[in-house]
Amino acid sequence: MITIIQYKTVNVDGLDVFYREAGDPSKPAFVLLHGFPSSSSMFRNLMPLLARDFYVLAPDLIGFGNSAAPSRESFEYTFENLTKNVAGFLAALKVDQYFLHVFDYGAPIGFRLAMRQPERVLGIVSQNGNIYQEGLGPKWAERAKYWANPTPEPRAQYESAFAPETIKGQYLTGEKPGTVGPDGFP
């Protein structure tokens, strides 16, 4: 049986949230929360496998993939606000209970959801999901200084983190040439 993934958008508090959907809505929901710098596209091969037993939903977080990317002046990009948006997404789709798969940025969002309404979470799969300060490691110490004092000078130092070649490198570094599909990065 071939699993069809559908591509949809729902408006949450004035922001369009793009999501991928697969499986039977009468089955338990499985919500997949992606990491940085990805989107729900990272789950395109996992979704058909899960859809045999679950109703699978994979939203693009605000500012990622095909979801709205409002300016920093109109949307404060914090894990708290992303959590509120994902909670609104689940409410809009009337998903009351669900399993979570959290990866990278998805972890602090998913765990916030779980702490606020633990009775809704049926289980959690965490893939590289850090939720505590110590887990950031020494690499983030300099960045934490910027977070505390976000002036233009240090901000310019981190712009390269969002360059296409940097993002591509996160997918390709350490891999054998030709083993990573080109649709997994921008």
N, C-alpha and C. Protein backbone atom coordinates (compact mmCIF):
# COMPACT_ATOMS: atom_id res chain seq x y z
N MET A 1 0.83 -1.17 0.00
CA MET A 1 0.00 0.00 0.00
C MET A 1 0.89 1.25 0.00
N ILE A 2 0.61 2.17 -0.87
CA ILE A 2 1.38 3.40 -0.97
C ILE A 2 0.78 4.43 -0.02
N THR A 3 1.65 5.05 0.76
CA THR A 3 1.21 6.09 1.67
C THR A 3 1.30 7.43 0.97
N ILE A 4 0.22 8.16 1.01
CA ILE A 4 0.18 9.50 0.42
C ILE A 4 0.46 10.52 1.51
N ILE A 5 1.42 11.37 1.25
CA ILE A 5 1.66 12.50 2.14
C ILE A 5 0.96 13.70 1.53
N GLN A 6 0.15 14.35 2.33
CA GLN A 6 -0.54 15.55 1.87
C GLN A 6 0.18 16.78 2.42
N TYR A 7 0.10 17.85 1.66
CA TYR A 7 0.77 19.10 2.02
C TYR A 7 -0.31 20.15 2.23
N LYS A 8 -0.35 20.68 3.45
CA LYS A 8 -1.44 21.57 3.81
C LYS A 8 -0.92 22.80 4.55
N THR A 9 -1.80 23.76 4.74
CA THR A 9 -1.50 24.96 5.51
C THR A 9 -2.70 25.28 6.39
N VAL A 10 -2.42 25.70 7.62
CA VAL A 10 -3.47 26.14 8.52
C VAL A 10 -3.01 27.47 9.13
N ASN A 11 -3.96 28.36 9.34
CA ASN A 11 -3.63 29.66 9.91
C ASN A 11 -3.72 29.57 11.43
N VAL A 12 -2.66 29.98 12.10
CA VAL A 12 -2.61 29.98 13.57
C VAL A 12 -2.25 31.40 14.01
N ASP A 13 -3.20 32.08 14.61
CA ASP A 13 -2.99 33.45 15.10
C ASP A 13 -2.41 34.36 14.02
N GLY A 14 -2.96 34.25 12.82
CA GLY A 14 -2.55 35.13 11.73
C GLY A 14 -1.32 34.69 10.97
N LEU A 15 -0.75 33.54 11.32
CA LEU A 15 0.45 33.03 10.64
C LEU A 15 0.14 31.70 9.98
N ASP A 16 0.52 31.56 8.72
CA ASP A 16 0.30 30.31 8.00
C ASP A 16 1.34 29.28 8.42
N VAL A 17 0.86 28.14 8.88
CA VAL A 17 1.72 27.03 9.26
C VAL A 17 1.55 25.93 8.21
N PHE A 18 2.62 25.66 7.49
CA PHE A 18 2.64 24.58 6.51
C PHE A 18 2.88 23.27 7.26
N TYR A 19 2.24 22.20 6.81
CA TYR A 19 2.50 20.90 7.43
C TYR A 19 2.28 19.77 6.45
N ARG A 20 2.93 18.67 6.77
CA ARG A 20 2.77 17.41 6.02
C ARG A 20 1.90 16.51 6.88
N GLU A 21 1.04 15.77 6.21
CA GLU A 21 0.09 14.91 6.92
C GLU A 21 0.03 13.57 6.22
N ALA A 22 0.01 12.50 6.99
CA ALA A 22 -0.10 11.15 6.44
C ALA A 22 -0.81 10.26 7.45
N GLY A 23 -1.46 9.24 6.94
CA GLY A 23 -2.10 8.27 7.81
C GLY A 23 -3.56 8.58 8.08
N ASP A 24 -4.13 7.72 8.87
CA ASP A 24 -5.55 7.75 9.19
C ASP A 24 -5.80 8.60 10.44
N PRO A 25 -6.59 9.67 10.33
CA PRO A 25 -6.86 10.54 11.49
C PRO A 25 -7.54 9.83 12.66
N SER A 26 -8.08 8.64 12.45
CA SER A 26 -8.69 7.91 13.57
C SER A 26 -7.64 7.16 14.41
N LYS A 27 -6.41 7.08 13.93
CA LYS A 27 -5.33 6.43 14.66
C LYS A 27 -4.65 7.46 15.58
N PRO A 28 -3.84 6.99 16.53
CA PRO A 28 -3.14 7.93 17.41
C PRO A 28 -2.26 8.89 16.61
N ALA A 29 -2.22 10.13 17.04
CA ALA A 29 -1.41 11.13 16.34
C ALA A 29 0.05 11.02 16.74
N PHE A 30 0.93 11.26 15.77
CA PHE A 30 2.36 11.32 15.99
C PHE A 30 2.84 12.63 15.38
N VAL A 31 3.31 13.54 16.23
CA VAL A 31 3.72 14.88 15.80
C VAL A 31 5.24 14.92 15.72
N LEU A 32 5.75 15.30 14.56
CA LEU A 32 7.19 15.34 14.31
C LEU A 32 7.65 16.79 14.28
N LEU A 33 8.54 17.16 15.20
CA LEU A 33 9.03 18.54 15.29
C LEU A 33 10.50 18.57 14.86
N HIS A 34 10.75 19.27 13.76
CA HIS A 34 12.08 19.30 13.15
C HIS A 34 13.06 20.19 13.90
N GLY A 35 14.30 20.18 13.42
CA GLY A 35 15.36 20.98 14.01
C GLY A 35 15.83 22.09 13.09
N PHE A 36 16.91 22.72 13.49
CA PHE A 36 17.55 23.79 12.73
C PHE A 36 18.62 23.18 11.86
N PRO A 37 18.78 23.57 10.66
CA PRO A 37 18.06 24.57 9.87
C PRO A 37 17.07 23.93 8.93
N SER A 38 16.40 22.92 9.37
CA SER A 38 15.60 22.08 8.49
C SER A 38 14.13 22.51 8.44
N SER A 39 13.31 21.56 8.05
CA SER A 39 11.87 21.74 7.98
C SER A 39 11.26 20.34 8.07
N SER A 40 9.96 20.26 7.90
CA SER A 40 9.30 18.95 7.92
C SER A 40 9.79 18.04 6.81
N SER A 41 10.48 18.60 5.85
CA SER A 41 11.06 17.79 4.77
C SER A 41 11.98 16.70 5.31
N MET A 42 12.59 16.94 6.47
CA MET A 42 13.50 15.94 7.02
C MET A 42 12.78 14.64 7.38
N PHE A 43 11.45 14.68 7.46
CA PHE A 43 10.68 13.50 7.83
C PHE A 43 10.00 12.81 6.64
N ARG A 44 10.32 13.24 5.44
CA ARG A 44 9.61 12.72 4.25
C ARG A 44 9.72 11.21 4.09
N ASN A 45 10.82 10.61 4.53
CA ASN A 45 10.97 9.15 4.42
C ASN A 45 10.43 8.42 5.65
N LEU A 46 10.41 9.09 6.79
CA LEU A 46 9.91 8.49 8.02
C LEU A 46 8.38 8.45 8.04
N MET A 47 7.76 9.47 7.50
CA MET A 47 6.30 9.58 7.58
C MET A 47 5.56 8.37 7.00
N PRO A 48 5.93 7.87 5.82
CA PRO A 48 5.20 6.69 5.31
C PRO A 48 5.32 5.47 6.22
N LEU A 49 6.46 5.32 6.87
CA LEU A 49 6.62 4.19 7.80
C LEU A 49 5.71 4.32 9.01
N LEU A 50 5.66 5.52 9.58
CA LEU A 50 4.81 5.75 10.76
C LEU A 50 3.33 5.74 10.40
N ALA A 51 3.00 6.14 9.19
CA ALA A 51 1.60 6.27 8.78
C ALA A 51 0.85 4.93 8.76
N ARG A 52 1.57 3.85 8.81
CA ARG A 52 0.91 2.53 8.88
C ARG A 52 0.13 2.39 10.18
N ASP A 53 0.66 3.02 11.25
CA ASP A 53 0.08 2.85 12.57
C ASP A 53 -0.38 4.14 13.24
N PHE A 54 -0.06 5.28 12.62
CA PHE A 54 -0.33 6.57 13.25
C PHE A 54 -0.89 7.58 12.24
N TYR A 55 -1.50 8.60 12.78
CA TYR A 55 -1.87 9.80 12.03
C TYR A 55 -0.69 10.74 12.22
N VAL A 56 0.08 10.97 11.19
CA VAL A 56 1.36 11.66 11.30
C VAL A 56 1.24 13.12 10.83
N LEU A 57 1.72 14.03 11.68
CA LEU A 57 1.71 15.46 11.38
C LEU A 57 3.11 16.02 11.57
N ALA A 58 3.59 16.72 10.57
CA ALA A 58 4.92 17.32 10.65
C ALA A 58 4.82 18.77 10.19
N PRO A 59 4.70 19.71 11.14
CA PRO A 59 4.63 21.12 10.76
C PRO A 59 6.01 21.71 10.51
N ASP A 60 6.07 22.72 9.66
CA ASP A 60 7.26 23.56 9.55
C ASP A 60 7.11 24.63 10.63
N LEU A 61 8.10 24.75 11.49
CA LEU A 61 8.04 25.79 12.51
C LEU A 61 8.01 27.16 11.84
N ILE A 62 7.45 28.14 12.53
CA ILE A 62 7.42 29.51 12.01
C ILE A 62 8.85 29.95 11.73
N GLY A 63 9.06 30.50 10.53
CA GLY A 63 10.38 30.94 10.12
C GLY A 63 11.17 29.88 9.38
N PHE A 64 10.60 28.69 9.22
CA PHE A 64 11.28 27.58 8.57
C PHE A 64 10.43 27.04 7.42
N GLY A 65 11.08 26.42 6.47
CA GLY A 65 10.39 25.73 5.39
C GLY A 65 9.37 26.59 4.68
N ASN A 66 8.16 26.07 4.60
CA ASN A 66 7.09 26.75 3.88
C ASN A 66 6.11 27.47 4.78
N SER A 67 6.40 27.54 6.08
CA SER A 67 5.55 28.31 7.00
C SER A 67 5.90 29.80 6.89
N ALA A 68 5.03 30.60 7.46
CA ALA A 68 5.26 32.04 7.47
C ALA A 68 6.59 32.36 8.14
N ALA A 69 7.21 33.43 7.67
CA ALA A 69 8.47 33.89 8.24
C ALA A 69 8.35 35.39 8.51
N PRO A 70 7.58 35.75 9.54
CA PRO A 70 7.40 37.18 9.81
C PRO A 70 8.71 37.84 10.23
N SER A 71 8.75 39.14 10.10
CA SER A 71 9.95 39.89 10.49
C SER A 71 10.17 39.77 12.00
N ARG A 72 11.40 40.00 12.42
CA ARG A 72 11.71 39.96 13.86
C ARG A 72 10.98 41.08 14.59
N GLU A 73 10.60 42.11 13.88
CA GLU A 73 9.85 43.20 14.51
C GLU A 73 8.40 42.79 14.81
N SER A 74 7.86 41.87 14.02
CA SER A 74 6.46 41.48 14.23
C SER A 74 6.29 40.13 14.94
N PHE A 75 7.39 39.38 15.07
CA PHE A 75 7.32 38.08 15.75
C PHE A 75 8.63 37.87 16.49
N GLU A 76 8.54 37.62 17.78
CA GLU A 76 9.74 37.36 18.57
C GLU A 76 10.06 35.87 18.47
N TYR A 77 11.17 35.56 17.83
CA TYR A 77 11.56 34.18 17.59
C TYR A 77 12.19 33.58 18.85
N THR A 78 11.33 33.11 19.75
CA THR A 78 11.78 32.44 20.96
C THR A 78 11.15 31.05 20.99
N PHE A 79 11.75 30.17 21.76
CA PHE A 79 11.15 28.84 21.89
C PHE A 79 9.76 28.94 22.51
N GLU A 80 9.56 29.91 23.38
CA GLU A 80 8.24 30.11 23.98
C GLU A 80 7.20 30.44 22.91
N ASN A 81 7.51 31.36 22.03
CA ASN A 81 6.55 31.73 20.99
C ASN A 81 6.36 30.62 19.97
N LEU A 82 7.42 29.90 19.66
CA LEU A 82 7.28 28.75 18.75
C LEU A 82 6.40 27.68 19.40
N THR A 83 6.55 27.49 20.71
CA THR A 83 5.71 26.53 21.43
C THR A 83 4.25 26.94 21.36
N LYS A 84 3.97 28.22 21.60
CA LYS A 84 2.59 28.71 21.51
C LYS A 84 2.02 28.47 20.12
N ASN A 85 2.84 28.65 19.10
CA ASN A 85 2.38 28.43 17.74
C ASN A 85 2.07 26.96 17.48
N VAL A 86 2.95 26.06 17.94
CA VAL A 86 2.70 24.62 17.75
C VAL A 86 1.46 24.20 18.55
N ALA A 87 1.29 24.74 19.75
CA ALA A 87 0.08 24.43 20.53
C ALA A 87 -1.16 24.90 19.77
N GLY A 88 -1.08 26.07 19.15
CA GLY A 88 -2.19 26.57 18.34
C GLY A 88 -2.43 25.71 17.12
N PHE A 89 -1.36 25.21 16.52
CA PHE A 89 -1.46 24.29 15.38
C PHE A 89 -2.22 23.03 15.79
N LEU A 90 -1.83 22.44 16.92
CA LEU A 90 -2.51 21.22 17.40
C LEU A 90 -3.97 21.50 17.73
N ALA A 91 -4.25 22.65 18.31
CA ALA A 91 -5.63 23.01 18.64
C ALA A 91 -6.44 23.20 17.35
N ALA A 92 -5.85 23.84 16.36
CA ALA A 92 -6.56 24.07 15.10
C ALA A 92 -6.92 22.76 14.41
N LEU A 93 -6.07 21.76 14.57
CA LEU A 93 -6.33 20.45 13.96
C LEU A 93 -7.08 19.51 14.89
N LYS A 94 -7.43 20.02 16.08
CA LYS A 94 -8.18 19.25 17.08
C LYS A 94 -7.46 17.96 17.49
N VAL A 95 -6.15 18.09 17.67
CA VAL A 95 -5.32 16.97 18.13
C VAL A 95 -5.16 17.12 19.64
N ASP A 96 -5.82 16.24 20.39
CA ASP A 96 -5.83 16.34 21.84
C ASP A 96 -4.77 15.50 22.53
N GLN A 97 -4.40 14.37 21.91
CA GLN A 97 -3.35 13.51 22.45
C GLN A 97 -2.45 13.10 21.31
N TYR A 98 -1.16 12.91 21.63
CA TYR A 98 -0.21 12.64 20.57
C TYR A 98 1.09 12.09 21.12
N PHE A 99 1.80 11.40 20.25
CA PHE A 99 3.19 11.04 20.48
C PHE A 99 4.02 12.16 19.88
N LEU A 100 5.20 12.38 20.40
CA LEU A 100 6.09 13.41 19.89
C LEU A 100 7.41 12.81 19.43
N HIS A 101 7.91 13.27 18.31
CA HIS A 101 9.29 13.03 17.90
C HIS A 101 9.93 14.41 17.86
N VAL A 102 10.94 14.63 18.70
CA VAL A 102 11.58 15.93 18.76
C VAL A 102 13.03 15.80 18.32
N PHE A 103 13.45 16.77 17.53
CA PHE A 103 14.82 16.81 17.03
C PHE A 103 15.35 18.23 17.15
N ASP A 104 16.49 18.39 17.80
CA ASP A 104 17.17 19.69 17.84
C ASP A 104 16.23 20.79 18.33
N TYR A 105 15.90 21.78 17.51
CA TYR A 105 15.01 22.87 17.93
C TYR A 105 13.64 22.35 18.37
N GLY A 106 13.23 21.23 17.84
CA GLY A 106 11.94 20.67 18.22
C GLY A 106 11.88 20.22 19.67
N ALA A 107 13.05 19.93 20.28
CA ALA A 107 13.07 19.44 21.65
C ALA A 107 12.56 20.47 22.66
N PRO A 108 13.11 21.69 22.69
CA PRO A 108 12.59 22.63 23.69
C PRO A 108 11.13 23.00 23.45
N ILE A 109 10.68 22.87 22.23
CA ILE A 109 9.27 23.14 21.93
C ILE A 109 8.41 21.97 22.43
N GLY A 110 8.78 20.77 22.04
CA GLY A 110 8.03 19.59 22.43
C GLY A 110 7.99 19.38 23.93
N PHE A 111 9.12 19.61 24.59
CA PHE A 111 9.15 19.42 26.04
C PHE A 111 8.35 20.50 26.76
N ARG A 112 8.28 21.69 26.22
CA ARG A 112 7.42 22.72 26.80
C ARG A 112 5.95 22.28 26.69
N LEU A 113 5.59 21.74 25.54
CA LEU A 113 4.22 21.23 25.37
C LEU A 113 3.94 20.15 26.42
N ALA A 114 4.88 19.24 26.59
CA ALA A 114 4.70 18.12 27.52
C ALA A 114 4.61 18.60 28.97
N MET A 115 5.40 19.60 29.33
CA MET A 115 5.36 20.11 30.72
C MET A 115 4.04 20.81 31.00
N ARG A 116 3.49 21.49 30.00
CA ARG A 116 2.24 22.23 30.22
C ARG A 116 1.02 21.33 30.28
N GLN A 117 1.02 20.31 29.44
CA GLN A 117 -0.14 19.41 29.40
C GLN A 117 0.34 17.97 29.25
N PRO A 118 0.94 17.41 30.29
CA PRO A 118 1.50 16.06 30.20
C PRO A 118 0.47 15.00 29.85
N GLU A 119 -0.77 15.24 30.21
CA GLU A 119 -1.81 14.24 29.91
C GLU A 119 -2.08 14.09 28.42
N ARG A 120 -1.63 15.03 27.63
CA ARG A 120 -1.82 14.95 26.17
C ARG A 120 -0.73 14.15 25.47
N VAL A 121 0.41 14.02 26.11
CA VAL A 121 1.56 13.38 25.47
C VAL A 121 1.57 11.90 25.81
N LEU A 122 1.48 11.07 24.78
CA LEU A 122 1.43 9.62 24.94
C LEU A 122 2.82 9.00 24.99
N GLY A 123 3.81 9.70 24.47
CA GLY A 123 5.19 9.22 24.46
C GLY A 123 6.06 10.21 23.70
N ILE A 124 7.37 10.12 23.94
CA ILE A 124 8.31 11.03 23.30
C ILE A 124 9.49 10.24 22.75
N VAL A 125 9.84 10.53 21.51
CA VAL A 125 11.08 10.04 20.91
C VAL A 125 11.95 11.27 20.72
N SER A 126 13.12 11.27 21.35
CA SER A 126 14.03 12.41 21.26
C SER A 126 15.25 12.02 20.45
N GLN A 127 15.50 12.78 19.40
CA GLN A 127 16.66 12.57 18.54
C GLN A 127 17.53 13.82 18.64
N ASN A 128 18.64 13.73 19.35
CA ASN A 128 19.53 14.87 19.50
C ASN A 128 18.77 16.07 20.06
N GLY A 129 18.00 15.83 21.12
CA GLY A 129 17.18 16.89 21.69
C GLY A 129 17.72 17.40 23.01
N ASN A 130 18.40 18.51 22.98
CA ASN A 130 18.95 19.11 24.19
C ASN A 130 17.91 19.99 24.87
N ILE A 131 17.81 19.87 26.20
CA ILE A 131 16.84 20.70 26.92
C ILE A 131 17.45 21.40 28.14
N TYR A 132 18.75 21.34 28.30
CA TYR A 132 19.35 21.96 29.46
C TYR A 132 20.61 22.73 29.05
N GLN A 133 20.93 23.75 29.83
CA GLN A 133 22.03 24.67 29.53
C GLN A 133 23.36 23.93 29.36
N GLU A 134 23.65 22.98 30.26
CA GLU A 134 24.92 22.27 30.20
C GLU A 134 25.06 21.48 28.91
N GLY A 135 23.95 21.09 28.33
CA GLY A 135 23.98 20.31 27.10
C GLY A 135 24.43 21.10 25.88
N LEU A 136 24.46 22.41 25.99
CA LEU A 136 24.89 23.22 24.86
C LEU A 136 26.39 23.10 24.62
N GLY A 137 27.17 22.90 25.66
CA GLY A 137 28.60 22.72 25.51
C GLY A 137 29.35 24.02 25.30
N PRO A 138 30.69 23.93 25.24
CA PRO A 138 31.54 25.13 25.15
C PRO A 138 31.36 25.93 23.86
N LYS A 139 30.97 25.27 22.79
CA LYS A 139 30.79 25.96 21.51
C LYS A 139 29.80 27.12 21.63
N TRP A 140 28.85 26.98 22.53
CA TRP A 140 27.78 27.98 22.64
C TRP A 140 28.08 29.10 23.63
N ALA A 141 29.20 29.02 24.35
CA ALA A 141 29.52 30.04 25.36
C ALA A 141 29.64 31.43 24.73
N GLU A 142 30.31 31.53 23.60
CA GLU A 142 30.45 32.82 22.92
C GLU A 142 29.10 33.31 22.40
N ARG A 143 28.30 32.40 21.90
CA ARG A 143 26.99 32.78 21.38
C ARG A 143 26.08 33.26 22.51
N ALA A 144 26.24 32.68 23.69
CA ALA A 144 25.43 33.11 24.83
C ALA A 144 25.72 34.57 25.19
N LYS A 145 26.95 35.00 24.98
CA LYS A 145 27.28 36.41 25.21
C LYS A 145 26.48 37.29 24.24
N TYR A 146 26.36 36.83 23.02
CA TYR A 146 25.56 37.59 22.03
C TYR A 146 24.09 37.60 22.43
N TRP A 147 23.57 36.47 22.88
CA TRP A 147 22.16 36.40 23.28
C TRP A 147 21.88 37.42 24.38
N ALA A 148 22.85 37.58 25.30
CA ALA A 148 22.68 38.53 26.40
C ALA A 148 22.80 39.97 25.94
N ASN A 149 23.55 40.21 24.86
CA ASN A 149 23.78 41.56 24.37
C ASN A 149 23.79 41.54 22.83
N PRO A 150 22.60 41.45 22.21
CA PRO A 150 22.51 41.27 20.74
C PRO A 150 22.74 42.56 19.95
N THR A 151 23.99 43.00 19.90
CA THR A 151 24.33 44.20 19.15
C THR A 151 24.70 43.82 17.71
N PRO A 152 24.71 44.79 16.81
CA PRO A 152 24.99 44.49 15.39
C PRO A 152 26.36 43.86 15.13
N GLU A 153 27.38 44.25 15.88
CA GLU A 153 28.73 43.71 15.62
C GLU A 153 28.80 42.20 15.79
N PRO A 154 28.42 41.67 16.96
CA PRO A 154 28.49 40.21 17.07
C PRO A 154 27.47 39.49 16.17
N ARG A 155 26.36 40.15 15.91
CA ARG A 155 25.37 39.53 15.02
C ARG A 155 25.98 39.25 13.65
N ALA A 156 26.78 40.16 13.16
CA ALA A 156 27.42 39.98 11.85
C ALA A 156 28.32 38.75 11.84
N GLN A 157 28.92 38.42 12.99
CA GLN A 157 29.80 37.25 13.08
C GLN A 157 29.04 35.95 12.85
N TYR A 158 27.75 35.95 13.19
CA TYR A 158 26.97 34.72 13.11
C TYR A 158 26.13 34.61 11.83
N GLU A 159 26.18 35.60 10.98
CA GLU A 159 25.40 35.54 9.74
C GLU A 159 25.81 34.37 8.86
N SER A 160 27.08 33.99 8.92
CA SER A 160 27.54 32.87 8.09
C SER A 160 26.86 31.56 8.48
N ALA A 161 26.34 31.47 9.72
CA ALA A 161 25.65 30.25 10.15
C ALA A 161 24.42 29.97 9.30
N PHE A 162 23.89 31.01 8.66
CA PHE A 162 22.68 30.85 7.86
C PHE A 162 22.97 30.83 6.36
N ALA A 163 24.23 30.87 5.99
CA ALA A 163 24.60 30.83 4.57
C ALA A 163 24.31 29.45 4.01
N PRO A 164 23.87 29.38 2.76
CA PRO A 164 23.56 28.07 2.16
C PRO A 164 24.71 27.06 2.26
N GLU A 165 25.94 27.50 2.08
CA GLU A 165 27.06 26.56 2.16
C GLU A 165 27.25 26.01 3.57
N THR A 166 27.01 26.83 4.59
CA THR A 166 27.12 26.36 5.98
C THR A 166 26.05 25.32 6.26
N ILE A 167 24.84 25.60 5.84
CA ILE A 167 23.73 24.67 6.07
C ILE A 167 23.98 23.37 5.32
N LYS A 168 24.41 23.48 4.08
CA LYS A 168 24.72 22.29 3.29
C LYS A 168 25.80 21.46 3.98
N GLY A 169 26.79 22.13 4.54
CA GLY A 169 27.88 21.44 5.23
C GLY A 169 27.40 20.63 6.41
N GLN A 170 26.33 21.09 7.09
CA GLN A 170 25.79 20.34 8.21
C GLN A 170 25.24 18.99 7.76
N TYR A 171 24.80 18.93 6.53
CA TYR A 171 24.25 17.68 6.01
C TYR A 171 25.33 16.80 5.40
N LEU A 172 26.37 17.39 4.83
CA LEU A 172 27.32 16.64 4.03
C LEU A 172 28.63 16.31 4.73
N THR A 173 29.03 17.08 5.73
CA THR A 173 30.31 16.86 6.39
C THR A 173 30.37 15.46 6.99
N GLY A 174 31.40 14.75 6.63
CA GLY A 174 31.59 13.40 7.15
C GLY A 174 30.87 12.32 6.38
N GLU A 175 30.10 12.69 5.39
CA GLU A 175 29.38 11.69 4.59
C GLU A 175 30.16 11.37 3.32
N LYS A 176 29.96 10.18 2.80
CA LYS A 176 30.59 9.80 1.54
C LYS A 176 29.91 10.55 0.41
N PRO A 177 30.67 11.08 -0.53
CA PRO A 177 30.06 11.78 -1.67
C PRO A 177 29.02 10.90 -2.36
N GLY A 178 27.90 11.52 -2.69
CA GLY A 178 26.83 10.81 -3.39
C GLY A 178 25.88 10.03 -2.50
N THR A 179 26.05 10.08 -1.17
CA THR A 179 25.17 9.32 -0.29
C THR A 179 24.06 10.15 0.34
N VAL A 180 24.11 11.46 0.17
CA VAL A 180 23.08 12.33 0.72
C VAL A 180 22.33 12.97 -0.43
N GLY A 181 21.01 12.77 -0.46
CA GLY A 181 20.18 13.33 -1.53
C GLY A 181 20.21 14.85 -1.52
N PRO A 182 20.17 15.48 -2.68
CA PRO A 182 20.25 16.94 -2.76
C PRO A 182 19.00 17.65 -2.28
N ASP A 183 17.91 16.92 -2.03
CA ASP A 183 16.68 17.59 -1.57
C ASP A 183 16.64 17.72 -0.06
N GLY A 184 17.68 17.29 0.64
CA GLY A 184 17.71 17.39 2.09
C GLY A 184 18.30 18.68 2.62
N PHE A 185 18.73 19.55 1.73
CA PHE A 185 19.29 20.83 2.14
C PHE A 185 18.92 21.86 1.07
N PRO A 186 18.99 23.16 1.45
CA PRO A 186 18.57 24.20 0.50
C PRO A 186 19.46 24.28 -0.73
